[in-house]
N, C-alpha and C. Protein backbone atom coordinates (compact mmCIF):
# COMPACT_ATOMS: atom_id res chain seq x y z
N MET A 1 -3.30 -13.31 -5.41
CA MET A 1 -2.21 -13.57 -5.47
C MET A 1 -3.18 -14.96 -5.39
N ILE A 2 -2.29 -16.80 -5.63
CA ILE A 2 -2.61 -17.37 -5.67
C ILE A 2 -1.98 -18.58 -4.39
N ASP A 3 -2.06 -19.24 -3.66
CA ASP A 3 -1.20 -20.11 -2.77
C ASP A 3 -0.45 -21.36 -3.35
N GLU A 4 0.26 -21.37 -3.42
CA GLU A 4 1.65 -21.65 -3.17
C GLU A 4 1.63 -22.97 -3.72
N GLN A 5 0.19 -24.14 -3.27
CA GLN A 5 -0.18 -25.73 -3.44
C GLN A 5 -1.37 -25.76 -4.35
N LYS A 6 -2.09 -24.58 -4.45
CA LYS A 6 -2.99 -24.97 -5.61
C LYS A 6 -2.19 -23.78 -7.01
N PHE A 7 -1.20 -22.74 -6.91
CA PHE A 7 -0.46 -22.37 -8.32
C PHE A 7 0.37 -24.04 -8.78
N ASN A 8 0.87 -24.79 -7.12
CA ASN A 8 1.54 -26.21 -8.38
C ASN A 8 0.32 -26.83 -8.51
N ARG A 9 -0.91 -26.89 -8.20
CA ARG A 9 -1.70 -27.88 -8.68
C ARG A 9 -2.61 -26.63 -9.96
N LEU A 10 -2.87 -25.94 -10.76
CA LEU A 10 -2.63 -26.05 -11.54
C LEU A 10 -2.36 -24.64 -12.48
N ALA A 11 -0.68 -24.40 -12.13
CA ALA A 11 -0.18 -25.03 -12.72
C ALA A 11 -0.29 -25.85 -14.20
N PRO A 12 0.17 -27.41 -13.92
CA PRO A 12 0.53 -28.33 -15.22
C PRO A 12 -1.48 -28.14 -15.05
N LEU A 13 -2.17 -28.52 -15.44
CA LEU A 13 -2.96 -27.71 -15.79
C LEU A 13 -3.71 -26.72 -17.52
N ALA A 14 -3.08 -25.41 -16.46
CA ALA A 14 -2.52 -24.63 -17.53
C ALA A 14 -2.20 -24.93 -18.09
N TYR A 15 -0.57 -25.52 -18.44
CA TYR A 15 0.44 -25.38 -19.43
C TYR A 15 -0.38 -26.30 -20.28
N HIS A 16 -0.70 -27.99 -20.34
CA HIS A 16 -2.11 -28.53 -21.01
C HIS A 16 -3.33 -27.39 -21.43
N TRP A 17 -3.65 -27.11 -20.71
CA TRP A 17 -4.63 -26.19 -21.99
C TRP A 17 -3.82 -25.70 -23.33
N ALA A 18 -3.19 -24.87 -22.26
CA ALA A 18 -2.16 -23.66 -23.08
C ALA A 18 -1.79 -24.50 -25.03
N LYS A 19 -0.97 -25.50 -24.29
CA LYS A 19 -0.79 -26.66 -26.12
C LYS A 19 -1.68 -27.65 -26.55
N ALA A 20 -3.40 -27.02 -25.93
CA ALA A 20 -4.19 -27.06 -26.94
C ALA A 20 -4.74 -26.58 -27.68
N GLN A 21 -4.36 -25.57 -26.85
CA GLN A 21 -4.84 -23.97 -27.54
C GLN A 21 -3.92 -23.85 -28.73
N GLU A 22 -2.59 -23.72 -28.15
CA GLU A 22 -1.78 -23.49 -29.60
C GLU A 22 -1.18 -24.59 -30.70
N ALA A 23 -1.76 -25.87 -30.71
CA ALA A 23 -1.96 -26.84 -31.48
C ALA A 23 -3.12 -26.38 -32.42
N PHE A 24 -4.17 -26.12 -31.64
CA PHE A 24 -5.31 -25.33 -32.89
C PHE A 24 -5.70 -24.69 -33.67
N VAL A 25 -4.58 -22.97 -32.80
CA VAL A 25 -4.58 -21.89 -33.51
C VAL A 25 -3.29 -22.26 -35.09
N LEU A 26 -2.26 -23.08 -34.36
CA LEU A 26 -1.34 -23.37 -35.37
C LEU A 26 -2.31 -24.23 -36.60
N LYS A 27 -2.87 -24.93 -36.41
CA LYS A 27 -3.55 -25.70 -37.19
C LYS A 27 -4.01 -24.70 -37.82
N LEU A 28 -5.51 -23.82 -37.76
CA LEU A 28 -6.23 -23.14 -38.22
C LEU A 28 -6.21 -22.19 -39.22
N GLY A 29 -4.76 -21.25 -37.56
CA GLY A 29 -4.79 -19.63 -37.99
C GLY A 29 -4.06 -19.59 -38.72
N VAL A 30 -3.85 -17.94 -39.48
CA VAL A 30 -3.69 -17.44 -40.36
C VAL A 30 -1.82 -17.27 -40.08
N LYS A 31 -0.77 -17.21 -41.91
CA LYS A 31 0.77 -17.21 -41.71
C LYS A 31 0.47 -15.61 -41.32
N LEU A 32 1.94 -14.71 -40.64
CA LEU A 32 1.56 -13.41 -41.31
C LEU A 32 1.25 -12.39 -41.87
N ALA A 33 1.47 -11.79 -41.91
CA ALA A 33 1.08 -10.81 -43.03
C ALA A 33 2.46 -10.67 -43.54
N ALA A 34 3.63 -9.23 -44.31
CA ALA A 34 4.54 -8.83 -44.77
C ALA A 34 5.36 -8.10 -43.68
N ARG A 35 4.10 -6.93 -43.38
CA ARG A 35 4.63 -6.34 -42.39
C ARG A 35 4.24 -6.56 -41.18
N GLN A 36 3.53 -7.57 -40.65
CA GLN A 36 3.41 -8.17 -39.93
C GLN A 36 4.34 -8.84 -38.73
N ARG A 37 5.15 -9.89 -39.82
CA ARG A 37 6.00 -10.64 -39.57
C ARG A 37 7.10 -9.80 -39.64
N ALA A 38 7.33 -8.26 -40.13
CA ALA A 38 8.32 -7.07 -39.89
C ALA A 38 7.71 -6.70 -38.21
N ASP A 39 7.60 -6.96 -37.95
CA ASP A 39 6.97 -6.28 -36.34
C ASP A 39 7.07 -7.52 -35.62
N ALA A 40 7.23 -8.38 -36.52
CA ALA A 40 7.75 -9.29 -35.13
C ALA A 40 9.22 -9.54 -34.94
N GLU A 41 10.24 -9.46 -35.99
CA GLU A 41 11.08 -9.49 -35.72
C GLU A 41 11.83 -8.21 -35.02
N GLN A 42 10.89 -6.84 -35.54
CA GLN A 42 11.33 -6.11 -34.45
C GLN A 42 11.29 -6.38 -33.42
N VAL A 43 10.33 -7.27 -32.89
CA VAL A 43 10.35 -7.57 -31.43
C VAL A 43 11.62 -8.63 -31.24
N GLY A 44 11.54 -9.34 -31.83
CA GLY A 44 12.62 -10.75 -31.46
C GLY A 44 12.16 -11.61 -31.88
N VAL A 45 10.95 -11.65 -32.53
CA VAL A 45 10.98 -13.10 -32.21
C VAL A 45 11.82 -13.64 -32.92
N GLN A 46 12.35 -14.93 -32.93
CA GLN A 46 13.30 -15.79 -34.16
C GLN A 46 12.91 -16.87 -35.32
N GLU A 47 11.84 -16.79 -34.76
CA GLU A 47 10.83 -18.14 -36.42
C GLU A 47 9.21 -17.19 -36.72
N PRO A 48 9.43 -16.34 -36.78
CA PRO A 48 8.26 -15.29 -37.08
C PRO A 48 7.75 -16.89 -38.30
N GLU A 49 7.34 -17.20 -38.88
CA GLU A 49 7.21 -18.15 -40.10
C GLU A 49 6.55 -18.88 -39.48
N ARG A 50 6.69 -19.39 -38.21
CA ARG A 50 6.00 -20.53 -37.42
C ARG A 50 4.52 -19.65 -36.34
N VAL A 51 4.44 -18.10 -36.57
CA VAL A 51 3.71 -17.71 -36.32
C VAL A 51 2.01 -17.49 -36.76
N ARG A 52 0.78 -18.08 -36.26
CA ARG A 52 -0.58 -18.09 -36.80
C ARG A 52 -1.27 -17.41 -35.71
N ILE A 53 -2.70 -16.82 -36.14
CA ILE A 53 -3.11 -15.62 -36.02
C ILE A 53 -4.21 -16.39 -36.35
N LEU A 54 -5.93 -16.66 -34.70
CA LEU A 54 -6.94 -16.78 -35.11
C LEU A 54 -7.54 -15.80 -34.59
N VAL A 55 -8.69 -15.42 -35.41
CA VAL A 55 -9.43 -14.11 -35.58
C VAL A 55 -10.38 -14.67 -34.44
N VAL A 56 -11.49 -14.23 -33.67
CA VAL A 56 -12.35 -15.33 -32.52
C VAL A 56 -13.28 -13.85 -32.07
N ASP A 57 -14.51 -14.36 -31.69
CA ASP A 57 -15.35 -13.58 -31.18
C ASP A 57 -15.15 -13.11 -29.94
N ARG A 58 -14.52 -14.09 -28.88
CA ARG A 58 -14.34 -13.63 -27.65
C ARG A 58 -12.66 -14.43 -27.68
N ILE A 59 -11.81 -14.25 -26.56
CA ILE A 59 -11.22 -15.36 -26.16
C ILE A 59 -11.31 -16.13 -25.13
N PRO A 60 -10.64 -18.52 -25.34
CA PRO A 60 -11.56 -18.80 -24.71
C PRO A 60 -10.87 -18.67 -23.46
N LEU A 61 -11.75 -19.18 -22.57
CA LEU A 61 -11.42 -19.19 -21.15
C LEU A 61 -11.04 -21.07 -21.02
N PRO A 62 -10.27 -21.43 -20.61
CA PRO A 62 -10.44 -22.60 -20.02
C PRO A 62 -10.86 -23.27 -19.62
N GLU A 63 -11.88 -24.71 -19.86
CA GLU A 63 -13.16 -25.67 -19.64
C GLU A 63 -12.79 -25.69 -18.07
N ASP A 64 -11.56 -26.28 -17.53
CA ASP A 64 -11.66 -26.71 -16.24
C ASP A 64 -12.12 -25.20 -15.54
N LYS A 65 -13.54 -25.43 -14.74
CA LYS A 65 -13.89 -23.60 -13.50
C LYS A 65 -12.68 -22.75 -12.83
N GLU A 66 -12.03 -24.76 -12.30
CA GLU A 66 -11.06 -23.75 -10.69
C GLU A 66 -9.43 -22.43 -11.82
N LEU A 67 -8.89 -23.25 -13.45
CA LEU A 67 -8.54 -22.57 -13.36
C LEU A 67 -9.16 -21.62 -14.41
N ALA A 68 -10.24 -21.63 -14.99
CA ALA A 68 -11.04 -19.77 -15.49
C ALA A 68 -11.42 -19.11 -14.48
N ASP A 69 -11.16 -19.76 -13.22
CA ASP A 69 -11.60 -18.86 -12.25
C ASP A 69 -10.29 -18.31 -11.54
N ALA A 70 -8.94 -18.80 -11.93
CA ALA A 70 -7.87 -18.33 -12.01
C ALA A 70 -7.41 -17.18 -12.70
N ALA A 71 -7.32 -17.95 -14.17
CA ALA A 71 -7.08 -17.19 -14.86
C ALA A 71 -8.24 -15.88 -14.55
N ARG A 72 -9.68 -15.45 -14.71
CA ARG A 72 -9.58 -14.60 -14.69
C ARG A 72 -9.66 -13.44 -13.32
N HIS A 73 -8.75 -14.31 -12.58
CA HIS A 73 -8.98 -13.52 -11.13
C HIS A 73 -6.99 -12.89 -11.09
N ALA A 74 -6.90 -13.47 -12.12
CA ALA A 74 -4.93 -13.00 -12.08
C ALA A 74 -5.43 -12.38 -13.32
N GLN A 75 -6.31 -11.61 -14.15
CA GLN A 75 -6.44 -10.66 -14.41
C GLN A 75 -5.73 -11.13 -16.18
N ILE A 76 -5.66 -12.89 -16.21
CA ILE A 76 -4.61 -13.63 -17.66
C ILE A 76 -5.64 -13.83 -18.86
N ILE A 77 -6.94 -13.71 -18.59
CA ILE A 77 -8.55 -13.32 -19.09
C ILE A 77 -9.60 -13.46 -18.73
N THR A 78 -10.43 -12.88 -19.60
CA THR A 78 -11.70 -12.36 -18.50
C THR A 78 -11.87 -11.77 -19.19
N ASP A 79 -13.00 -11.90 -19.14
CA ASP A 79 -14.02 -11.53 -20.24
C ASP A 79 -14.08 -10.61 -21.77
N SER A 80 -13.38 -9.22 -21.10
CA SER A 80 -12.74 -8.23 -21.84
C SER A 80 -11.20 -8.76 -21.88
N SER A 81 -10.75 -9.58 -22.07
CA SER A 81 -9.49 -9.52 -22.86
C SER A 81 -9.41 -9.72 -24.87
N ARG A 82 -8.97 -9.16 -25.06
CA ARG A 82 -9.16 -9.01 -27.15
C ARG A 82 -8.05 -9.74 -27.53
N ALA A 83 -6.69 -10.54 -26.50
CA ALA A 83 -6.24 -10.97 -27.26
C ALA A 83 -5.07 -11.69 -26.41
N VAL A 84 -4.51 -13.60 -26.77
CA VAL A 84 -3.26 -13.89 -25.95
C VAL A 84 -2.93 -14.65 -27.00
N ALA A 85 -1.81 -14.87 -26.63
CA ALA A 85 -0.37 -15.27 -27.23
C ALA A 85 -0.11 -16.09 -26.56
N ILE A 86 -0.29 -17.38 -27.16
CA ILE A 86 -0.08 -18.63 -26.75
C ILE A 86 1.11 -19.85 -27.68
N GLY A 87 2.67 -19.56 -26.86
CA GLY A 87 3.08 -20.09 -27.74
C GLY A 87 3.35 -18.90 -29.14
N TYR A 88 3.03 -19.76 -30.54
CA TYR A 88 3.84 -19.24 -31.78
C TYR A 88 2.41 -18.74 -32.04
N ALA A 89 0.73 -19.21 -31.17
CA ALA A 89 -0.30 -18.73 -31.54
C ALA A 89 -0.61 -17.54 -31.26
N VAL A 90 -1.26 -16.80 -31.60
CA VAL A 90 -2.35 -15.70 -31.31
C VAL A 90 -3.80 -15.48 -31.21
N ILE A 91 -4.48 -15.67 -30.17
CA ILE A 91 -5.50 -15.34 -30.81
C ILE A 91 -6.13 -13.78 -30.36
N ILE A 92 -6.97 -13.50 -32.09
CA ILE A 92 -6.85 -12.35 -30.88
C ILE A 92 -9.08 -11.74 -31.11
N ARG A 93 -8.85 -10.69 -31.00
CA ARG A 93 -10.67 -10.59 -31.31
C ARG A 93 -10.60 -9.96 -32.61
N ALA A 94 -12.79 -10.15 -32.87
CA ALA A 94 -12.23 -9.77 -34.05
C ALA A 94 -12.50 -8.14 -34.24
N ASP A 95 -13.19 -8.20 -33.55
CA ASP A 95 -12.58 -6.13 -33.37
C ASP A 95 -11.59 -5.27 -32.17
N SER A 96 -10.77 -6.31 -32.58
CA SER A 96 -9.85 -5.39 -32.26
C SER A 96 -8.55 -6.02 -33.35
N TRP A 97 -8.84 -6.86 -34.37
CA TRP A 97 -8.28 -7.20 -35.48
C TRP A 97 -6.61 -6.03 -35.71
N GLN A 98 -7.25 -4.64 -36.34
CA GLN A 98 -6.52 -3.68 -36.41
C GLN A 98 -5.46 -3.27 -35.94
N ASN A 99 -5.71 -3.87 -34.71
CA ASN A 99 -4.85 -3.25 -33.61
C ASN A 99 -3.35 -3.08 -33.21
N ARG A 100 -2.31 -3.02 -33.91
CA ARG A 100 -1.64 -2.59 -34.26
C ARG A 100 -0.29 -2.49 -32.79
N GLU A 101 -1.15 -1.72 -31.80
CA GLU A 101 0.18 -1.49 -30.83
C GLU A 101 -0.26 -3.11 -29.84
N LEU A 102 -1.54 -3.94 -29.86
CA LEU A 102 -1.97 -5.32 -29.77
C LEU A 102 -1.07 -6.01 -29.79
N LEU A 103 -1.28 -5.89 -31.53
CA LEU A 103 -0.22 -7.20 -31.81
C LEU A 103 0.18 -7.43 -31.73
N LEU A 104 1.38 -6.06 -31.51
CA LEU A 104 2.77 -6.44 -31.30
C LEU A 104 2.94 -6.84 -29.42
N HIS A 105 2.04 -6.45 -29.18
CA HIS A 105 2.07 -6.89 -27.32
C HIS A 105 2.09 -8.20 -27.63
N GLN A 106 1.39 -9.16 -28.07
CA GLN A 106 0.89 -10.59 -28.26
C GLN A 106 2.52 -11.03 -28.76
N LEU A 107 3.03 -10.39 -30.23
CA LEU A 107 4.14 -10.48 -30.44
C LEU A 107 5.12 -10.70 -29.44
N VAL A 108 5.60 -9.15 -28.72
CA VAL A 108 6.95 -9.92 -27.86
C VAL A 108 6.59 -10.84 -26.80
N HIS A 109 5.55 -11.50 -26.63
CA HIS A 109 4.74 -12.63 -25.77
C HIS A 109 5.39 -13.85 -26.49
N VAL A 110 5.34 -13.98 -27.83
CA VAL A 110 5.63 -14.75 -29.07
C VAL A 110 7.51 -15.02 -28.09
N ALA A 111 7.64 -13.76 -28.61
CA ALA A 111 9.60 -13.96 -28.92
C ALA A 111 10.25 -14.55 -26.96
N GLN A 112 9.25 -13.27 -26.20
CA GLN A 112 9.52 -14.59 -24.61
C GLN A 112 9.64 -16.04 -24.53
N CYS A 113 8.31 -16.49 -25.54
CA CYS A 113 7.74 -18.02 -24.88
C CYS A 113 9.40 -18.95 -25.88
N GLU A 114 10.23 -17.56 -26.87
CA GLU A 114 10.79 -18.74 -27.59
C GLU A 114 11.93 -18.41 -26.95
N ARG A 115 12.14 -17.25 -25.36
CA ARG A 115 13.50 -16.88 -24.74
C ARG A 115 13.85 -17.66 -24.03
N SER A 116 12.48 -17.77 -23.91
CA SER A 116 12.55 -19.44 -22.39
C SER A 116 12.58 -21.00 -22.29
N GLY A 117 12.54 -20.90 -23.85
CA GLY A 117 12.87 -21.94 -24.36
C GLY A 117 11.67 -22.49 -24.78
N GLY A 118 10.20 -22.59 -24.75
CA GLY A 118 10.05 -23.21 -25.05
C GLY A 118 8.46 -22.80 -24.54
N LEU A 119 7.44 -23.24 -24.81
CA LEU A 119 5.61 -23.43 -24.32
C LEU A 119 5.48 -23.28 -22.60
N GLU A 120 6.08 -25.14 -22.39
CA GLU A 120 5.94 -25.71 -20.58
C GLU A 120 6.88 -24.15 -20.04
N PRO A 121 8.20 -24.17 -20.32
CA PRO A 121 8.54 -22.92 -19.30
C PRO A 121 8.08 -21.84 -19.32
N PHE A 122 8.02 -21.34 -20.14
CA PHE A 122 7.22 -19.77 -20.89
C PHE A 122 5.91 -19.71 -19.85
N VAL A 123 4.94 -20.80 -19.67
CA VAL A 123 3.76 -20.92 -19.31
C VAL A 123 4.20 -20.62 -17.37
N LEU A 124 4.78 -21.43 -17.12
CA LEU A 124 5.13 -21.83 -15.53
C LEU A 124 6.32 -20.05 -14.90
N GLU A 125 7.21 -19.40 -16.81
CA GLU A 125 7.15 -18.51 -15.43
C GLU A 125 6.32 -16.72 -16.01
N TYR A 126 5.66 -17.80 -16.82
CA TYR A 126 4.29 -16.21 -16.84
C TYR A 126 3.68 -16.14 -15.60
N LEU A 127 3.05 -17.30 -15.71
CA LEU A 127 2.10 -17.44 -13.47
C LEU A 127 3.21 -16.64 -13.21
N SER A 128 3.89 -17.43 -12.98
CA SER A 128 4.81 -17.47 -11.56
C SER A 128 4.80 -15.69 -11.59
N ASP A 129 5.94 -15.36 -12.60
CA ASP A 129 5.86 -13.19 -12.73
C ASP A 129 4.37 -12.72 -12.76
N ARG A 130 2.96 -13.26 -13.32
CA ARG A 130 1.97 -12.83 -12.51
C ARG A 130 1.75 -13.13 -11.13
N ASN A 131 2.04 -14.33 -10.48
CA ASN A 131 1.20 -13.95 -9.34
C ASN A 131 1.83 -13.91 -8.34
N ASN A 132 2.71 -13.21 -8.46
CA ASN A 132 4.73 -13.03 -7.61
C ASN A 132 4.56 -11.67 -7.52
N SER A 133 4.03 -10.31 -8.81
CA SER A 133 4.17 -9.32 -9.26
C SER A 133 3.16 -8.57 -7.44
N ALA A 134 3.88 -7.88 -7.61
CA ALA A 134 3.20 -6.33 -6.75
C ALA A 134 1.98 -5.87 -6.62
N GLN A 135 2.25 -6.28 -8.33
CA GLN A 135 0.64 -5.08 -8.56
C GLN A 135 -0.37 -6.42 -9.52
N PHE A 136 0.10 -7.46 -8.96
CA PHE A 136 -0.42 -8.84 -9.23
C PHE A 136 -1.50 -9.13 -11.16
N SER A 137 -1.54 -7.66 -11.33
CA SER A 137 -2.70 -7.91 -12.64
C SER A 137 -1.42 -6.90 -13.45
N VAL A 138 0.05 -7.35 -13.56
CA VAL A 138 0.91 -6.88 -14.40
C VAL A 138 2.20 -8.12 -14.05
N GLY A 139 3.40 -7.80 -14.66
CA GLY A 139 4.67 -7.93 -13.59
C GLY A 139 5.16 -7.54 -14.97
N SER A 140 6.65 -8.07 -14.93
CA SER A 140 7.40 -7.68 -15.84
C SER A 140 7.70 -8.12 -17.27
N LEU A 141 7.10 -9.11 -17.35
CA LEU A 141 6.73 -9.92 -18.81
C LEU A 141 6.33 -9.29 -19.17
N GLU A 142 4.56 -8.74 -18.66
CA GLU A 142 3.99 -7.44 -19.07
C GLU A 142 4.28 -6.40 -19.23
N ASP A 143 5.33 -6.25 -18.55
CA ASP A 143 5.52 -4.94 -18.42
C ASP A 143 6.57 -4.12 -19.98
N GLU A 144 7.59 -5.84 -20.05
CA GLU A 144 8.46 -6.22 -21.34
C GLU A 144 6.71 -5.19 -22.09
N ALA A 145 6.41 -6.01 -22.60
CA ALA A 145 5.47 -6.71 -23.66
C ALA A 145 4.86 -5.33 -23.75
N ARG A 146 4.11 -5.03 -23.22
CA ARG A 146 3.14 -3.33 -22.71
C ARG A 146 4.13 -2.19 -23.56
N ASN A 147 5.42 -2.07 -22.64
CA ASN A 147 6.68 -1.18 -23.12
C ASN A 147 6.89 -0.87 -24.67
N LEU A 148 7.81 -2.06 -24.88
CA LEU A 148 7.64 -2.36 -26.23
C LEU A 148 6.44 -1.45 -27.46
N ALA A 149 5.58 -2.12 -27.15
CA ALA A 149 4.16 -2.37 -28.52
C ALA A 149 4.13 -0.75 -28.23
N ARG A 150 4.16 0.20 -27.11
CA ARG A 150 3.79 1.45 -26.97
C ARG A 150 5.00 2.27 -27.72
N GLU A 151 6.89 1.31 -27.67
CA GLU A 151 7.09 2.78 -28.24
C GLU A 151 7.57 2.21 -29.69
N ILE A 152 7.08 1.23 -29.86
CA ILE A 152 7.63 1.09 -31.34
C ILE A 152 6.24 1.56 -32.08
N CYS A 153 5.19 1.54 -31.53
CA CYS A 153 3.67 2.60 -32.03
C CYS A 153 4.31 3.97 -32.25
N SER A 154 4.39 4.39 -31.22
CA SER A 154 4.35 6.19 -30.67
C SER A 154 6.30 6.42 -31.88
N GLY A 155 6.82 5.44 -32.25
CA GLY A 155 7.96 5.57 -32.73
C GLY A 155 7.70 5.54 -34.78
N SER A 156 6.70 4.40 -34.81
CA SER A 156 5.89 4.43 -36.06
C SER A 156 5.03 6.10 -36.19
N LEU A 157 4.43 6.28 -35.16
CA LEU A 157 3.60 7.42 -35.20
C LEU A 157 4.85 8.86 -35.77
N ALA A 158 5.49 8.53 -35.15
CA ALA A 158 6.89 10.61 -34.91
C ALA A 158 7.38 10.28 -36.47
N HIS A 159 6.97 8.67 -37.21
CA HIS A 159 7.75 8.55 -38.10
C HIS A 159 7.19 9.54 -39.65
N GLU A 160 5.73 8.46 -38.97
CA GLU A 160 4.37 9.13 -40.32
C GLU A 160 4.05 10.46 -40.31
N ARG A 161 4.06 11.20 -39.33
CA ARG A 161 3.97 12.44 -39.08
C ARG A 161 4.95 13.32 -38.77
N ARG A 162 6.46 12.99 -39.58
CA ARG A 162 7.59 13.67 -39.84
C ARG A 162 7.60 13.76 -41.27
N ALA A 163 6.94 12.54 -42.57
CA ALA A 163 7.19 11.91 -43.77
C ALA A 163 5.74 12.62 -44.11
N ILE A 164 4.68 12.90 -43.72
CA ILE A 164 3.59 14.27 -44.19
C ILE A 164 3.69 15.48 -43.99
N SER A 165 4.07 16.19 -42.67
CA SER A 165 4.54 17.63 -42.93
C SER A 165 5.62 17.89 -44.16
N VAL A 166 6.76 16.26 -44.61
CA VAL A 166 7.41 17.43 -45.35
C VAL A 166 7.03 16.84 -47.06
N GLN A 167 6.00 15.77 -47.17
CA GLN A 167 4.68 16.19 -47.95
C GLN A 167 4.35 17.84 -48.64
N ARG A 168 4.01 17.82 -47.58
CA ARG A 168 3.58 19.31 -47.52
C ARG A 168 4.17 20.17 -47.89
């Protein structure tokens, strides 16, 4: 847990970093494909046409050392992170590009950002949720993203298995 004084100092830096990352991805990223758009709608994204995806070799950390250290400590972004959603931007590692559950998880975060009223309130809500979580590496927003992505993927797998057995 980060103390309140440090949290209050770093939260605005986190928002400005997130805003710059989102702008970069919205400029260079690609639109969702048809299935991805359907997934975005299924998890509650209100404006899926605004979402852009950027495939990278590694997820970027903030240049500010203290902010980067805090992100690592809170396990928000680490060297092993495979994806991150920032507003309407989704950054995903190339080796995880085909992982539907991971992308669904990130799309849930996009929907959460919309529900919160935009990037700035979402950044504060997300960081507070992570910082105040009893287990620190999770929180209610992460739980929602993980559970919904798993539920959709397991439902899809069950549906696909039924379709295969009917064909036989």
